[in-house]
Structures are given as C-alpha cells and as structure tokens.
Amino acid sequence: FTISKDNAKNTLYLQMNSLKPEDTA
C-alpha cells in the first residue's frame, strides 16, 4: 500500500496493490 496526498486539492489517497482476502474491511 502507498499513502499520498494532494495538498492543493485537500485530498488523501491510498493505493492498494497485491490485495489479499485479509485486506477485506
């Protein structure tokens, strides 16, 4: 997973790769 943000847009992101069933939530 990678967390990032765009301060100009006041937006937060979470890129999730290689997802597993245990990530279900």
mmCIF file of all heavy atoms, coordinates in Angstrom:
data_MODEL
# 
_entry.id   MODEL 
# 
loop_
_atom_site.group_PDB 
_atom_site.id 
_atom_site.type_symbol 
_atom_site.label_atom_id 
_atom_site.label_alt_id 
_atom_site.label_comp_id 
_atom_site.label_asym_id 
_atom_site.label_entity_id 
_atom_site.label_seq_id 
_atom_site.pdbx_PDB_ins_code 
_atom_site.Cartn_x 
_atom_site.Cartn_y 
_atom_site.Cartn_z 
_atom_site.occupancy 
_atom_site.B_iso_or_equiv 
_atom_site.pdbx_formal_charge 
_atom_site.auth_seq_id 
_atom_site.auth_comp_id 
_atom_site.auth_asym_id 
_atom_site.auth_atom_id 
_atom_site.pdbx_PDB_model_num 
ATOM 1   N N   . PHE A 1 1  ? 0.839   -1.199  0.000  1.00 0.00 ? 1  PHE A N   1 
ATOM 2   C CA  . PHE A 1 1  ? 0.000   0.000   0.000  1.00 0.00 ? 1  PHE A CA  1 
ATOM 3   C C   . PHE A 1 1  ? 0.874   1.250   0.000  1.00 0.00 ? 1  PHE A C   1 
ATOM 4   O O   . PHE A 1 1  ? 1.968   1.264   0.579  1.00 0.00 ? 1  PHE A O   1 
ATOM 5   C CB  . PHE A 1 1  ? -0.888  0.050   1.247  1.00 0.00 ? 1  PHE A CB  1 
ATOM 6   C CG  . PHE A 1 1  ? -1.970  -0.985  1.307  1.00 0.00 ? 1  PHE A CG  1 
ATOM 7   C CD1 . PHE A 1 1  ? -2.030  -2.055  0.423  1.00 0.00 ? 1  PHE A CD1 1 
ATOM 8   C CD2 . PHE A 1 1  ? -2.949  -0.887  2.288  1.00 0.00 ? 1  PHE A CD2 1 
ATOM 9   C CE1 . PHE A 1 1  ? -3.040  -3.011  0.499  1.00 0.00 ? 1  PHE A CE1 1 
ATOM 10  C CE2 . PHE A 1 1  ? -3.966  -1.833  2.376  1.00 0.00 ? 1  PHE A CE2 1 
ATOM 11  C CZ  . PHE A 1 1  ? -4.003  -2.889  1.483  1.00 0.00 ? 1  PHE A CZ  1 
ATOM 12  N N   . THR A 1 2  ? 0.378   2.320   -0.615 1.00 0.00 ? 2  THR A N   1 
ATOM 13  C CA  . THR A 1 2  ? 1.071   3.601   -0.628 1.00 0.00 ? 2  THR A CA  1 
ATOM 14  C C   . THR A 1 2  ? 0.096   4.717   -0.288 1.00 0.00 ? 2  THR A C   1 
ATOM 15  O O   . THR A 1 2  ? -0.936  4.860   -0.951 1.00 0.00 ? 2  THR A O   1 
ATOM 16  C CB  . THR A 1 2  ? 1.705   3.886   -2.000 1.00 0.00 ? 2  THR A CB  1 
ATOM 17  O OG1 . THR A 1 2  ? 2.615   2.841   -2.348 1.00 0.00 ? 2  THR A OG1 1 
ATOM 18  C CG2 . THR A 1 2  ? 2.467   5.209   -1.962 1.00 0.00 ? 2  THR A CG2 1 
ATOM 19  N N   . ILE A 1 3  ? 0.419   5.492   0.736  1.00 0.00 ? 3  ILE A N   1 
ATOM 20  C CA  . ILE A 1 3  ? -0.395  6.643   1.101  1.00 0.00 ? 3  ILE A CA  1 
ATOM 21  C C   . ILE A 1 3  ? 0.223   7.895   0.478  1.00 0.00 ? 3  ILE A C   1 
ATOM 22  O O   . ILE A 1 3  ? 1.448   8.039   0.444  1.00 0.00 ? 3  ILE A O   1 
ATOM 23  C CB  . ILE A 1 3  ? -0.516  6.785   2.639  1.00 0.00 ? 3  ILE A CB  1 
ATOM 24  C CG1 . ILE A 1 3  ? -1.502  7.899   3.013  1.00 0.00 ? 3  ILE A CG1 1 
ATOM 25  C CG2 . ILE A 1 3  ? 0.849   7.029   3.279  1.00 0.00 ? 3  ILE A CG2 1 
ATOM 26  C CD1 . ILE A 1 3  ? -1.810  7.962   4.512  1.00 0.00 ? 3  ILE A CD1 1 
ATOM 27  N N   . SER A 1 4  ? -0.613  8.783   -0.021 1.00 0.00 ? 4  SER A N   1 
ATOM 28  C CA  . SER A 1 4  ? -0.146  10.033  -0.600 1.00 0.00 ? 4  SER A CA  1 
ATOM 29  C C   . SER A 1 4  ? -1.224  11.087  -0.437 1.00 0.00 ? 4  SER A C   1 
ATOM 30  O O   . SER A 1 4  ? -2.359  10.781  -0.055 1.00 0.00 ? 4  SER A O   1 
ATOM 31  C CB  . SER A 1 4  ? 0.225   9.858   -2.079 1.00 0.00 ? 4  SER A CB  1 
ATOM 32  O OG  . SER A 1 4  ? -0.904  9.474   -2.843 1.00 0.00 ? 4  SER A OG  1 
ATOM 33  N N   . LYS A 1 5  ? -0.877  12.328  -0.719 1.00 0.00 ? 5  LYS A N   1 
ATOM 34  C CA  . LYS A 1 5  ? -1.854  13.404  -0.618 1.00 0.00 ? 5  LYS A CA  1 
ATOM 35  C C   . LYS A 1 5  ? -1.561  14.500  -1.617 1.00 0.00 ? 5  LYS A C   1 
ATOM 36  O O   . LYS A 1 5  ? -0.431  14.669  -2.078 1.00 0.00 ? 5  LYS A O   1 
ATOM 37  C CB  . LYS A 1 5  ? -1.888  13.983  0.804  1.00 0.00 ? 5  LYS A CB  1 
ATOM 38  C CG  . LYS A 1 5  ? -0.580  14.631  1.250  1.00 0.00 ? 5  LYS A CG  1 
ATOM 39  C CD  . LYS A 1 5  ? -0.710  15.212  2.652  1.00 0.00 ? 5  LYS A CD  1 
ATOM 40  C CE  . LYS A 1 5  ? 0.593   15.861  3.101  1.00 0.00 ? 5  LYS A CE  1 
ATOM 41  N NZ  . LYS A 1 5  ? 0.444   16.471  4.448  1.00 0.00 ? 5  LYS A NZ  1 
ATOM 42  N N   . ASP A 1 6  ? -2.604  15.243  -1.955 1.00 0.00 ? 6  ASP A N   1 
ATOM 43  C CA  . ASP A 1 6  ? -2.505  16.412  -2.803 1.00 0.00 ? 6  ASP A CA  1 
ATOM 44  C C   . ASP A 1 6  ? -3.003  17.571  -1.953 1.00 0.00 ? 6  ASP A C   1 
ATOM 45  O O   . ASP A 1 6  ? -4.207  17.744  -1.773 1.00 0.00 ? 6  ASP A O   1 
ATOM 46  C CB  . ASP A 1 6  ? -3.342  16.248  -4.064 1.00 0.00 ? 6  ASP A CB  1 
ATOM 47  C CG  . ASP A 1 6  ? -3.170  17.395  -5.038 1.00 0.00 ? 6  ASP A CG  1 
ATOM 48  O OD1 . ASP A 1 6  ? -2.869  18.523  -4.614 1.00 0.00 ? 6  ASP A OD1 1 
ATOM 49  O OD2 . ASP A 1 6  ? -3.346  17.158  -6.254 1.00 0.00 ? 6  ASP A OD2 1 
ATOM 50  N N   . ASN A 1 7  ? -2.088  18.352  -1.413 1.00 0.00 ? 7  ASN A N   1 
ATOM 51  C CA  . ASN A 1 7  ? -2.464  19.441  -0.513 1.00 0.00 ? 7  ASN A CA  1 
ATOM 52  C C   . ASN A 1 7  ? -3.320  20.502  -1.200 1.00 0.00 ? 7  ASN A C   1 
ATOM 53  O O   . ASN A 1 7  ? -4.217  21.070  -0.582 1.00 0.00 ? 7  ASN A O   1 
ATOM 54  C CB  . ASN A 1 7  ? -1.213  20.094  0.078  1.00 0.00 ? 7  ASN A CB  1 
ATOM 55  C CG  . ASN A 1 7  ? -0.524  19.226  1.103  1.00 0.00 ? 7  ASN A CG  1 
ATOM 56  O OD1 . ASN A 1 7  ? -1.147  18.380  1.738  1.00 0.00 ? 7  ASN A OD1 1 
ATOM 57  N ND2 . ASN A 1 7  ? 0.772   19.441  1.283  1.00 0.00 ? 7  ASN A ND2 1 
ATOM 58  N N   . ALA A 1 8  ? -3.046  20.780  -2.468 1.00 0.00 ? 8  ALA A N   1 
ATOM 59  C CA  . ALA A 1 8  ? -3.808  21.780  -3.200 1.00 0.00 ? 8  ALA A CA  1 
ATOM 60  C C   . ALA A 1 8  ? -5.270  21.381  -3.338 1.00 0.00 ? 8  ALA A C   1 
ATOM 61  O O   . ALA A 1 8  ? -6.156  22.237  -3.360 1.00 0.00 ? 8  ALA A O   1 
ATOM 62  C CB  . ALA A 1 8  ? -3.193  22.017  -4.571 1.00 0.00 ? 8  ALA A CB  1 
ATOM 63  N N   . LYS A 1 9  ? -5.533  20.079  -3.431 1.00 0.00 ? 9  LYS A N   1 
ATOM 64  C CA  . LYS A 1 9  ? -6.892  19.566  -3.577 1.00 0.00 ? 9  LYS A CA  1 
ATOM 65  C C   . LYS A 1 9  ? -7.500  19.103  -2.260 1.00 0.00 ? 9  LYS A C   1 
ATOM 66  O O   . LYS A 1 9  ? -8.661  18.695  -2.227 1.00 0.00 ? 9  LYS A O   1 
ATOM 67  C CB  . LYS A 1 9  ? -6.920  18.409  -4.565 1.00 0.00 ? 9  LYS A CB  1 
ATOM 68  C CG  . LYS A 1 9  ? -6.538  18.779  -5.982 1.00 0.00 ? 9  LYS A CG  1 
ATOM 69  C CD  . LYS A 1 9  ? -6.620  17.567  -6.895 1.00 0.00 ? 9  LYS A CD  1 
ATOM 70  C CE  . LYS A 1 9  ? -6.278  17.930  -8.324 1.00 0.00 ? 9  LYS A CE  1 
ATOM 71  N NZ  . LYS A 1 9  ? -6.351  16.743  -9.224 1.00 0.00 ? 9  LYS A NZ  1 
ATOM 72  N N   . ASN A 1 10 ? -6.724  19.158  -1.184 1.00 0.00 ? 10 ASN A N   1 
ATOM 73  C CA  . ASN A 1 10 ? -7.172  18.638  0.113  1.00 0.00 ? 10 ASN A CA  1 
ATOM 74  C C   . ASN A 1 10 ? -7.700  17.210  -0.028 1.00 0.00 ? 10 ASN A C   1 
ATOM 75  O O   . ASN A 1 10 ? -8.765  16.859  0.488  1.00 0.00 ? 10 ASN A O   1 
ATOM 76  C CB  . ASN A 1 10 ? -8.247  19.534  0.726  1.00 0.00 ? 10 ASN A CB  1 
ATOM 77  C CG  . ASN A 1 10 ? -7.682  20.571  1.678  1.00 0.00 ? 10 ASN A CG  1 
ATOM 78  O OD1 . ASN A 1 10 ? -6.471  20.783  1.760  1.00 0.00 ? 10 ASN A OD1 1 
ATOM 79  N ND2 . ASN A 1 10 ? -8.567  21.234  2.415  1.00 0.00 ? 10 ASN A ND2 1 
ATOM 80  N N   . THR A 1 11 ? -6.928  16.394  -0.727 1.00 0.00 ? 11 THR A N   1 
ATOM 81  C CA  . THR A 1 11 ? -7.340  15.024  -0.997 1.00 0.00 ? 11 THR A CA  1 
ATOM 82  C C   . THR A 1 11 ? -6.242  14.046  -0.591 1.00 0.00 ? 11 THR A C   1 
ATOM 83  O O   . THR A 1 11 ? -5.069  14.257  -0.901 1.00 0.00 ? 11 THR A O   1 
ATOM 84  C CB  . THR A 1 11 ? -7.691  14.831  -2.475 1.00 0.00 ? 11 THR A CB  1 
ATOM 85  O OG1 . THR A 1 11 ? -8.751  15.723  -2.832 1.00 0.00 ? 11 THR A OG1 1 
ATOM 86  C CG2 . THR A 1 11 ? -8.155  13.403  -2.740 1.00 0.00 ? 11 THR A CG2 1 
ATOM 87  N N   . LEU A 1 12 ? -6.643  12.996  0.088  1.00 0.00 ? 12 LEU A N   1 
ATOM 88  C CA  . LEU A 1 12 ? -5.763  11.925  0.535  1.00 0.00 ? 12 LEU A CA  1 
ATOM 89  C C   . LEU A 1 12 ? -6.032  10.685  -0.310 1.00 0.00 ? 12 LEU A C   1 
ATOM 90  O O   . LEU A 1 12 ? -7.175  10.430  -0.688 1.00 0.00 ? 12 LEU A O   1 
ATOM 91  C CB  . LEU A 1 12 ? -6.042  11.626  2.006  1.00 0.00 ? 12 LEU A CB  1 
ATOM 92  C CG  . LEU A 1 12 ? -5.226  10.536  2.697  1.00 0.00 ? 12 LEU A CG  1 
ATOM 93  C CD1 . LEU A 1 12 ? -3.807  11.024  2.950  1.00 0.00 ? 12 LEU A CD1 1 
ATOM 94  C CD2 . LEU A 1 12 ? -5.899  10.136  4.003  1.00 0.00 ? 12 LEU A CD2 1 
ATOM 95  N N   . TYR A 1 13 ? -4.988  9.898   -0.570 1.00 0.00 ? 13 TYR A N   1 
ATOM 96  C CA  . TYR A 1 13 ? -5.122  8.698   -1.391 1.00 0.00 ? 13 TYR A CA  1 
ATOM 97  C C   . TYR A 1 13 ? -4.495  7.492   -0.700 1.00 0.00 ? 13 TYR A C   1 
ATOM 98  O O   . TYR A 1 13 ? -3.575  7.626   0.109  1.00 0.00 ? 13 TYR A O   1 
ATOM 99  C CB  . TYR A 1 13 ? -4.439  8.875   -2.747 1.00 0.00 ? 13 TYR A CB  1 
ATOM 100 C CG  . TYR A 1 13 ? -4.924  10.060  -3.534 1.00 0.00 ? 13 TYR A CG  1 
ATOM 101 C CD1 . TYR A 1 13 ? -4.232  11.261  -3.507 1.00 0.00 ? 13 TYR A CD1 1 
ATOM 102 C CD2 . TYR A 1 13 ? -6.076  9.974   -4.306 1.00 0.00 ? 13 TYR A CD2 1 
ATOM 103 C CE1 . TYR A 1 13 ? -4.672  12.353  -4.230 1.00 0.00 ? 13 TYR A CE1 1 
ATOM 104 C CE2 . TYR A 1 13 ? -6.526  11.064  -5.033 1.00 0.00 ? 13 TYR A CE2 1 
ATOM 105 C CZ  . TYR A 1 13 ? -5.826  12.247  -4.993 1.00 0.00 ? 13 TYR A CZ  1 
ATOM 106 O OH  . TYR A 1 13 ? -6.270  13.328  -5.713 1.00 0.00 ? 13 TYR A OH  1 
ATOM 107 N N   . LEU A 1 14 ? -4.996  6.325   -1.057 1.00 0.00 ? 14 LEU A N   1 
ATOM 108 C CA  . LEU A 1 14 ? -4.378  5.075   -0.641 1.00 0.00 ? 14 LEU A CA  1 
ATOM 109 C C   . LEU A 1 14 ? -4.373  4.138   -1.843 1.00 0.00 ? 14 LEU A C   1 
ATOM 110 O O   . LEU A 1 14 ? -5.427  3.655   -2.259 1.00 0.00 ? 14 LEU A O   1 
ATOM 111 C CB  . LEU A 1 14 ? -5.126  4.428   0.528  1.00 0.00 ? 14 LEU A CB  1 
ATOM 112 C CG  . LEU A 1 14 ? -4.492  3.151   1.080  1.00 0.00 ? 14 LEU A CG  1 
ATOM 113 C CD1 . LEU A 1 14 ? -3.165  3.478   1.776  1.00 0.00 ? 14 LEU A CD1 1 
ATOM 114 C CD2 . LEU A 1 14 ? -5.433  2.442   2.055  1.00 0.00 ? 14 LEU A CD2 1 
ATOM 115 N N   . GLN A 1 15 ? -3.195  3.904   -2.399 1.00 0.00 ? 15 GLN A N   1 
ATOM 116 C CA  . GLN A 1 15 ? -3.040  2.952   -3.488 1.00 0.00 ? 15 GLN A CA  1 
ATOM 117 C C   . GLN A 1 15 ? -2.792  1.580   -2.887 1.00 0.00 ? 15 GLN A C   1 
ATOM 118 O O   . GLN A 1 15 ? -1.837  1.392   -2.133 1.00 0.00 ? 15 GLN A O   1 
ATOM 119 C CB  . GLN A 1 15 ? -1.873  3.344   -4.391 1.00 0.00 ? 15 GLN A CB  1 
ATOM 120 C CG  . GLN A 1 15 ? -1.615  2.378   -5.544 1.00 0.00 ? 15 GLN A CG  1 
ATOM 121 C CD  . GLN A 1 15 ? -2.750  2.348   -6.543 1.00 0.00 ? 15 GLN A CD  1 
ATOM 122 O OE1 . GLN A 1 15 ? -3.236  3.401   -6.970 1.00 0.00 ? 15 GLN A OE1 1 
ATOM 123 N NE2 . GLN A 1 15 ? -3.193  1.152   -6.919 1.00 0.00 ? 15 GLN A NE2 1 
ATOM 124 N N   . MET A 1 16 ? -3.637  0.621   -3.217 1.00 0.00 ? 16 MET A N   1 
ATOM 125 C CA  . MET A 1 16 ? -3.558  -0.724  -2.660 1.00 0.00 ? 16 MET A CA  1 
ATOM 126 C C   . MET A 1 16 ? -3.283  -1.708  -3.786 1.00 0.00 ? 16 MET A C   1 
ATOM 127 O O   . MET A 1 16 ? -4.096  -1.861  -4.698 1.00 0.00 ? 16 MET A O   1 
ATOM 128 C CB  . MET A 1 16 ? -4.853  -1.087  -1.935 1.00 0.00 ? 16 MET A CB  1 
ATOM 129 C CG  . MET A 1 16 ? -5.251  -0.090  -0.850 1.00 0.00 ? 16 MET A CG  1 
ATOM 130 S SD  . MET A 1 16 ? -6.704  -0.630  0.092  1.00 0.00 ? 16 MET A SD  1 
ATOM 131 C CE  . MET A 1 16 ? -7.950  -0.564  -1.199 1.00 0.00 ? 16 MET A CE  1 
ATOM 132 N N   . ASN A 1 17 ? -2.141  -2.373  -3.712 1.00 0.00 ? 17 ASN A N   1 
ATOM 133 C CA  . ASN A 1 17 ? -1.746  -3.366  -4.702 1.00 0.00 ? 17 ASN A CA  1 
ATOM 134 C C   . ASN A 1 17 ? -1.603  -4.730  -4.039 1.00 0.00 ? 17 ASN A C   1 
ATOM 135 O O   . ASN A 1 17 ? -1.496  -4.837  -2.823 1.00 0.00 ? 17 ASN A O   1 
ATOM 136 C CB  . ASN A 1 17 ? -0.421  -2.979  -5.359 1.00 0.00 ? 17 ASN A CB  1 
ATOM 137 C CG  . ASN A 1 17 ? -0.483  -1.672  -6.111 1.00 0.00 ? 17 ASN A CG  1 
ATOM 138 O OD1 . ASN A 1 17 ? -1.507  -1.333  -6.704 1.00 0.00 ? 17 ASN A OD1 1 
ATOM 139 N ND2 . ASN A 1 17 ? 0.625   -0.929  -6.104 1.00 0.00 ? 17 ASN A ND2 1 
ATOM 140 N N   . SER A 1 18 ? -1.573  -5.771  -4.861 1.00 0.00 ? 18 SER A N   1 
ATOM 141 C CA  . SER A 1 18 ? -1.403  -7.149  -4.368 1.00 0.00 ? 18 SER A CA  1 
ATOM 142 C C   . SER A 1 18 ? -2.368  -7.460  -3.234 1.00 0.00 ? 18 SER A C   1 
ATOM 143 O O   . SER A 1 18 ? -1.984  -7.995  -2.193 1.00 0.00 ? 18 SER A O   1 
ATOM 144 C CB  . SER A 1 18 ? 0.047   -7.370  -3.918 1.00 0.00 ? 18 SER A CB  1 
ATOM 145 O OG  . SER A 1 18 ? 0.954   -7.124  -4.970 1.00 0.00 ? 18 SER A OG  1 
ATOM 146 N N   . LEU A 1 19 ? -3.618  -7.138  -3.447 1.00 0.00 ? 19 LEU A N   1 
ATOM 147 C CA  . LEU A 1 19 ? -4.620  -7.295  -2.398 1.00 0.00 ? 19 LEU A CA  1 
ATOM 148 C C   . LEU A 1 19 ? -4.848  -8.758  -2.038 1.00 0.00 ? 19 LEU A C   1 
ATOM 149 O O   . LEU A 1 19 ? -4.797  -9.642  -2.893 1.00 0.00 ? 19 LEU A O   1 
ATOM 150 C CB  . LEU A 1 19 ? -5.929  -6.643  -2.823 1.00 0.00 ? 19 LEU A CB  1 
ATOM 151 C CG  . LEU A 1 19 ? -5.919  -5.113  -2.735 1.00 0.00 ? 19 LEU A CG  1 
ATOM 152 C CD1 . LEU A 1 19 ? -7.046  -4.513  -3.568 1.00 0.00 ? 19 LEU A CD1 1 
ATOM 153 C CD2 . LEU A 1 19 ? -6.044  -4.671  -1.277 1.00 0.00 ? 19 LEU A CD2 1 
ATOM 154 N N   . LYS A 1 20 ? -5.097  -8.979  -0.756 1.00 0.00 ? 20 LYS A N   1 
ATOM 155 C CA  . LYS A 1 20 ? -5.337  -10.302 -0.195 1.00 0.00 ? 20 LYS A CA  1 
ATOM 156 C C   . LYS A 1 20 ? -6.709  -10.334 0.461  1.00 0.00 ? 20 LYS A C   1 
ATOM 157 O O   . LYS A 1 20 ? -7.231  -9.290  0.858  1.00 0.00 ? 20 LYS A O   1 
ATOM 158 C CB  . LYS A 1 20 ? -4.277  -10.633 0.863  1.00 0.00 ? 20 LYS A CB  1 
ATOM 159 C CG  . LYS A 1 20 ? -2.836  -10.477 0.409  1.00 0.00 ? 20 LYS A CG  1 
ATOM 160 C CD  . LYS A 1 20 ? -1.894  -10.670 1.582  1.00 0.00 ? 20 LYS A CD  1 
ATOM 161 C CE  . LYS A 1 20 ? -0.454  -10.487 1.177  1.00 0.00 ? 20 LYS A CE  1 
ATOM 162 N NZ  . LYS A 1 20 ? 0.467   -10.637 2.332  1.00 0.00 ? 20 LYS A NZ  1 
ATOM 163 N N   . PRO A 1 21 ? -7.295  -11.524 0.616  1.00 0.00 ? 21 PRO A N   1 
ATOM 164 C CA  . PRO A 1 21 ? -8.587  -11.609 1.299  1.00 0.00 ? 21 PRO A CA  1 
ATOM 165 C C   . PRO A 1 21 ? -8.569  -10.977 2.696  1.00 0.00 ? 21 PRO A C   1 
ATOM 166 O O   . PRO A 1 21 ? -9.581  -10.415 3.127  1.00 0.00 ? 21 PRO A O   1 
ATOM 167 C CB  . PRO A 1 21 ? -8.841  -13.121 1.377  1.00 0.00 ? 21 PRO A CB  1 
ATOM 168 C CG  . PRO A 1 21 ? -8.166  -13.648 0.154  1.00 0.00 ? 21 PRO A CG  1 
ATOM 169 C CD  . PRO A 1 21 ? -6.910  -12.822 0.030  1.00 0.00 ? 21 PRO A CD  1 
ATOM 170 N N   . GLU A 1 22 ? -7.448  -11.043 3.394  1.00 0.00 ? 22 GLU A N   1 
ATOM 171 C CA  . GLU A 1 22 ? -7.343  -10.463 4.731  1.00 0.00 ? 22 GLU A CA  1 
ATOM 172 C C   . GLU A 1 22 ? -7.398  -8.937  4.722  1.00 0.00 ? 22 GLU A C   1 
ATOM 173 O O   . GLU A 1 22 ? -7.517  -8.323  5.781  1.00 0.00 ? 22 GLU A O   1 
ATOM 174 C CB  . GLU A 1 22 ? -6.054  -10.928 5.423  1.00 0.00 ? 22 GLU A CB  1 
ATOM 175 C CG  . GLU A 1 22 ? -4.780  -10.451 4.756  1.00 0.00 ? 22 GLU A CG  1 
ATOM 176 C CD  . GLU A 1 22 ? -3.540  -11.140 5.306  1.00 0.00 ? 22 GLU A CD  1 
ATOM 177 O OE1 . GLU A 1 22 ? -3.482  -12.387 5.255  1.00 0.00 ? 22 GLU A OE1 1 
ATOM 178 O OE2 . GLU A 1 22 ? -2.637  -10.439 5.803  1.00 0.00 ? 22 GLU A OE2 1 
ATOM 179 N N   . ASP A 1 23 ? -7.315  -8.320  3.548  1.00 0.00 ? 23 ASP A N   1 
ATOM 180 C CA  . ASP A 1 23 ? -7.463  -6.875  3.434  1.00 0.00 ? 23 ASP A CA  1 
ATOM 181 C C   . ASP A 1 23 ? -8.926  -6.445  3.428  1.00 0.00 ? 23 ASP A C   1 
ATOM 182 O O   . ASP A 1 23 ? -9.218  -5.247  3.469  1.00 0.00 ? 23 ASP A O   1 
ATOM 183 C CB  . ASP A 1 23 ? -6.789  -6.359  2.160  1.00 0.00 ? 23 ASP A CB  1 
ATOM 184 C CG  . ASP A 1 23 ? -5.285  -6.531  2.176  1.00 0.00 ? 23 ASP A CG  1 
ATOM 185 O OD1 . ASP A 1 23 ? -4.658  -6.289  3.222  1.00 0.00 ? 23 ASP A OD1 1 
ATOM 186 O OD2 . ASP A 1 23 ? -4.730  -6.916  1.111  1.00 0.00 ? 23 ASP A OD2 1 
ATOM 187 N N   . THR A 1 24 ? -9.832  -7.402  3.353  1.00 0.00 ? 24 THR A N   1 
ATOM 188 C CA  . THR A 1 24 ? -11.257 -7.094  3.350  1.00 0.00 ? 24 THR A CA  1 
ATOM 189 C C   . THR A 1 24 ? -11.642 -6.387  4.643  1.00 0.00 ? 24 THR A C   1 
ATOM 190 O O   . THR A 1 24 ? -11.412 -6.897  5.737  1.00 0.00 ? 24 THR A O   1 
ATOM 191 C CB  . THR A 1 24 ? -12.084 -8.373  3.184  1.00 0.00 ? 24 THR A CB  1 
ATOM 192 O OG1 . THR A 1 24 ? -11.817 -8.943  1.901  1.00 0.00 ? 24 THR A OG1 1 
ATOM 193 C CG2 . THR A 1 24 ? -13.579 -8.076  3.293  1.00 0.00 ? 24 THR A CG2 1 
ATOM 194 N N   . ALA A 1 25 ? -12.213 -5.194  4.516  1.00 0.00 ? 25 ALA A N   1 
ATOM 195 C CA  . ALA A 1 25 ? -12.563 -4.384  5.685  1.00 0.00 ? 25 ALA A CA  1 
ATOM 196 C C   . ALA A 1 25 ? -13.258 -3.112  5.224  1.00 0.00 ? 25 ALA A C   1 
ATOM 197 O O   . ALA A 1 25 ? -13.291 -2.794  4.033  1.00 0.00 ? 25 ALA A O   1 
ATOM 198 C CB  . ALA A 1 25 ? -11.311 -4.023  6.486  1.00 0.00 ? 25 ALA A CB  1 
# 
